[in-house]
Structures are given as structure tokens and as C-alpha cells.
Amino acid sequence: MDIPAYASITVGDSLPALKIPPISRKTLALYAGASADHHPMHIDLDYARSAGATDVFAHGMLSAAYVGRLLTDWVPQQRIRRLAMRFTGIMQLGAEPLCSARVAEKMMEDGEQRVRVTLSCADQHGVNKIVGEAVINLD
């Protein structure tokens, strides 16, 4: 994997976006098995309805994993110095997640050339479900 050159990065640059296929029941079942998170709100329609939801919905950490994938598609994981995310909404069944990031700052920190990027994971309507930021070493 080629690491982006610090000198070639400009504040405001966008990282390559990550578009995910629609969230399906199969997606949720596979994620539940892989994560050992079998909470019925994500896999049991009757339970979700009894709790007042119209249907099951995606695990928040599934969307967080997509954000992580956006970053590791850009740089190796070892280059990520900090990662912080906040959940701002529910990713509904059938939603088409789109993860994006933009360079917000270039800086020297701990002797490394780093960038701070703002992050988001939104549905196909542009409604953010996760927002956050990461600091990446580009030395």
C-alpha cells in the first residue's frame, strides 16, 4: 500500500469515499456472528417491534467498522494514531452507508508529520449516523 505523501496533502482534501451495499438481514446476521453481538434489536423483528421500532436496525459498531475500513483503505492501520467516533443516528435496514473523510489539519506531533481528518458515515439520504475524527501519521 502506498502511503500518501504528507507534502501532497492539502487541508480540505477528501479521502476516497467508501460506499457500502444496502444493509440486509444477512449483513446483520453475519455481523452478529462475527462480533458475538446477538442483541435482538438487530436480528429479531418481533423483538424490535415490541420495543417500538418498525424493524431491526444495524449495530452501531458495524457502521464504526466501515469507518475504520475507510481509513485502512487509505493507510495501514499502524499509521492511525487516534480515532474517535460519536453515534448520531440509527442505520436502518436497507440503508446504503457512505463513509467519507476530509483533511482538517496538517501538523507536526511527536516528531511525526500527521493529518487530522474529520469522518462521517451517512445513509443514502446524507443523514450522518457517525461523526468523528482521526489522526494519521504520514511520515
Protein backbone atom coordinates (compact mmCIF):
# COMPACT_ATOMS: atom_id res chain seq x y z
CA MET A 1 0.00 0.00 0.00
CA ASP A 2 1.34 3.40 -0.98
CA ILE A 3 1.17 5.90 1.87
CA PRO A 4 0.05 9.36 0.75
CA ALA A 5 2.89 11.88 0.79
CA TYR A 6 2.46 14.49 3.51
CA ALA A 7 3.67 17.23 1.15
CA SER A 8 0.99 16.35 -1.41
CA ILE A 9 -1.87 16.59 1.09
CA THR A 10 -3.81 19.86 1.42
CA VAL A 11 -6.31 20.84 4.10
CA GLY A 12 -9.72 20.26 2.55
CA ASP A 13 -8.66 17.21 0.53
CA SER A 14 -11.11 14.30 0.62
CA LEU A 15 -10.09 10.71 1.19
CA PRO A 16 -11.53 8.17 -1.24
CA ALA A 17 -15.12 7.53 -0.09
CA LEU A 18 -16.32 4.06 0.86
CA LYS A 19 -19.78 3.12 -0.44
CA ILE A 20 -21.33 0.05 1.17
CA PRO A 21 -24.14 -2.05 -0.37
CA PRO A 22 -27.55 -1.80 1.33
CA ILE A 23 -27.72 -3.21 4.86
CA SER A 24 -29.61 -6.51 4.69
CA ARG A 25 -30.79 -9.02 7.24
CA LYS A 26 -27.95 -11.23 6.05
CA THR A 27 -25.46 -8.40 6.76
CA LEU A 28 -26.83 -8.10 10.30
CA ALA A 29 -26.77 -11.87 10.88
CA LEU A 30 -23.19 -12.17 9.67
CA TYR A 31 -22.08 -9.20 11.77
CA ALA A 32 -23.86 -10.59 14.84
CA GLY A 33 -21.99 -13.86 14.44
CA ALA A 34 -18.62 -12.22 13.83
CA SER A 35 -18.95 -9.74 16.70
CA ALA A 36 -20.82 -12.02 19.14
CA ASP A 37 -23.36 -9.18 19.49
CA HIS A 38 -26.65 -11.02 19.20
CA HIS A 39 -28.83 -8.29 20.69
CA PRO A 40 -32.35 -8.98 19.42
CA MET A 41 -32.88 -5.34 18.30
CA HIS A 42 -30.58 -6.18 15.41
CA ILE A 43 -31.85 -9.62 14.40
CA ASP A 44 -35.36 -10.27 15.76
CA LEU A 45 -38.19 -8.39 14.05
CA ASP A 46 -40.77 -9.30 16.72
CA TYR A 47 -38.49 -8.07 19.49
CA ALA A 48 -37.73 -4.82 17.62
CA ARG A 49 -41.43 -4.16 17.08
CA SER A 50 -42.23 -4.91 20.73
CA ALA A 51 -39.64 -2.26 21.65
CA GLY A 52 -41.34 0.32 19.42
CA ALA A 53 -39.13 0.07 16.33
CA THR A 54 -40.60 -0.63 12.91
CA ASP A 55 -37.86 -3.15 12.08
CA VAL A 56 -34.42 -4.31 13.15
CA PHE A 57 -31.51 -1.94 12.51
CA ALA A 58 -27.75 -2.12 12.14
CA HIS A 59 -25.35 -2.44 15.04
CA GLY A 60 -23.66 0.88 15.68
CA MET A 61 -20.29 -0.84 15.69
CA LEU A 62 -20.95 -2.19 12.19
CA SER A 63 -21.01 1.38 10.90
CA ALA A 64 -17.94 2.13 13.03
CA ALA A 65 -16.17 -0.80 11.35
CA TYR A 66 -16.97 0.70 7.96
CA VAL A 67 -15.35 3.97 9.07
CA GLY A 68 -12.29 2.01 10.19
CA ARG A 69 -12.19 0.33 6.78
CA LEU A 70 -12.30 3.72 5.06
CA LEU A 71 -9.14 4.67 6.96
CA THR A 72 -7.30 1.39 6.45
CA ASP A 73 -8.09 1.53 2.73
CA TRP A 74 -6.10 4.80 2.75
CA VAL A 75 -3.20 3.95 5.11
CA PRO A 76 -2.04 0.87 7.03
CA GLN A 77 -3.64 0.51 10.46
CA GLN A 78 -0.28 1.14 12.16
CA ARG A 79 -0.42 4.75 10.87
CA ILE A 80 -3.59 5.59 12.82
CA ARG A 81 -2.60 7.45 15.98
CA ARG A 82 -6.06 8.40 17.28
CA LEU A 83 -9.60 7.54 16.30
CA ALA A 84 -12.74 8.92 17.92
CA MET A 85 -16.34 8.49 16.80
CA ARG A 86 -19.76 9.50 18.05
CA PHE A 87 -23.01 7.80 17.10
CA THR A 88 -25.57 10.32 15.86
CA GLY A 89 -28.30 8.11 14.41
CA ILE A 90 -29.53 4.64 13.60
CA MET A 91 -28.57 2.95 10.34
CA GLN A 92 -31.82 1.39 9.18
CA LEU A 93 -32.27 -1.89 7.37
CA GLY A 94 -31.86 -1.19 3.63
CA ALA A 95 -29.69 1.89 4.23
CA GLU A 96 -26.72 2.37 1.93
CA PRO A 97 -23.82 3.59 4.10
CA LEU A 98 -21.37 6.08 2.66
CA CYS A 99 -18.21 6.76 4.64
CA SER A 100 -16.22 9.87 3.90
CA ALA A 101 -13.32 11.85 5.35
CA ARG A 102 -11.75 15.23 4.78
CA VAL A 103 -8.34 16.56 5.85
CA ALA A 104 -8.97 19.20 8.51
CA GLU A 105 -5.40 19.92 9.65
CA LYS A 106 -1.76 19.19 8.93
CA MET A 107 0.62 19.22 11.88
CA MET A 108 3.85 18.04 13.43
CA GLU A 109 3.18 15.98 16.54
CA ASP A 110 5.55 13.74 18.49
CA GLY A 111 8.13 14.23 15.75
CA GLU A 112 5.78 12.94 13.04
CA GLN A 113 4.07 14.60 10.10
CA ARG A 114 0.40 13.98 10.78
CA VAL A 115 -3.00 14.91 9.44
CA ARG A 116 -6.26 15.20 11.32
CA VAL A 117 -9.24 14.07 9.29
CA THR A 118 -12.92 14.51 10.01
CA LEU A 119 -15.01 11.39 9.45
CA SER A 120 -18.61 10.55 8.76
CA CYS A 121 -20.79 7.60 7.93
CA ALA A 122 -24.11 8.64 6.42
CA ASP A 123 -27.05 6.87 4.84
CA GLN A 124 -28.05 7.30 1.18
CA HIS A 125 -30.01 10.44 2.13
CA GLY A 126 -26.91 12.14 3.53
CA VAL A 127 -28.01 11.81 7.16
CA ASN A 128 -24.96 11.24 9.35
CA LYS A 129 -25.08 8.19 11.60
CA ILE A 130 -21.49 8.53 12.82
CA VAL A 131 -19.19 11.54 13.00
CA GLY A 132 -15.64 11.61 14.28
CA GLU A 133 -12.03 12.30 13.59
CA ALA A 134 -8.73 10.51 13.27
CA VAL A 135 -5.09 11.50 13.42
CA ILE A 136 -2.86 9.76 10.88
CA ASN A 137 0.94 9.59 10.65
CA LEU A 138 2.12 10.26 7.10
CA ASP A 139 5.90 10.06 7.72
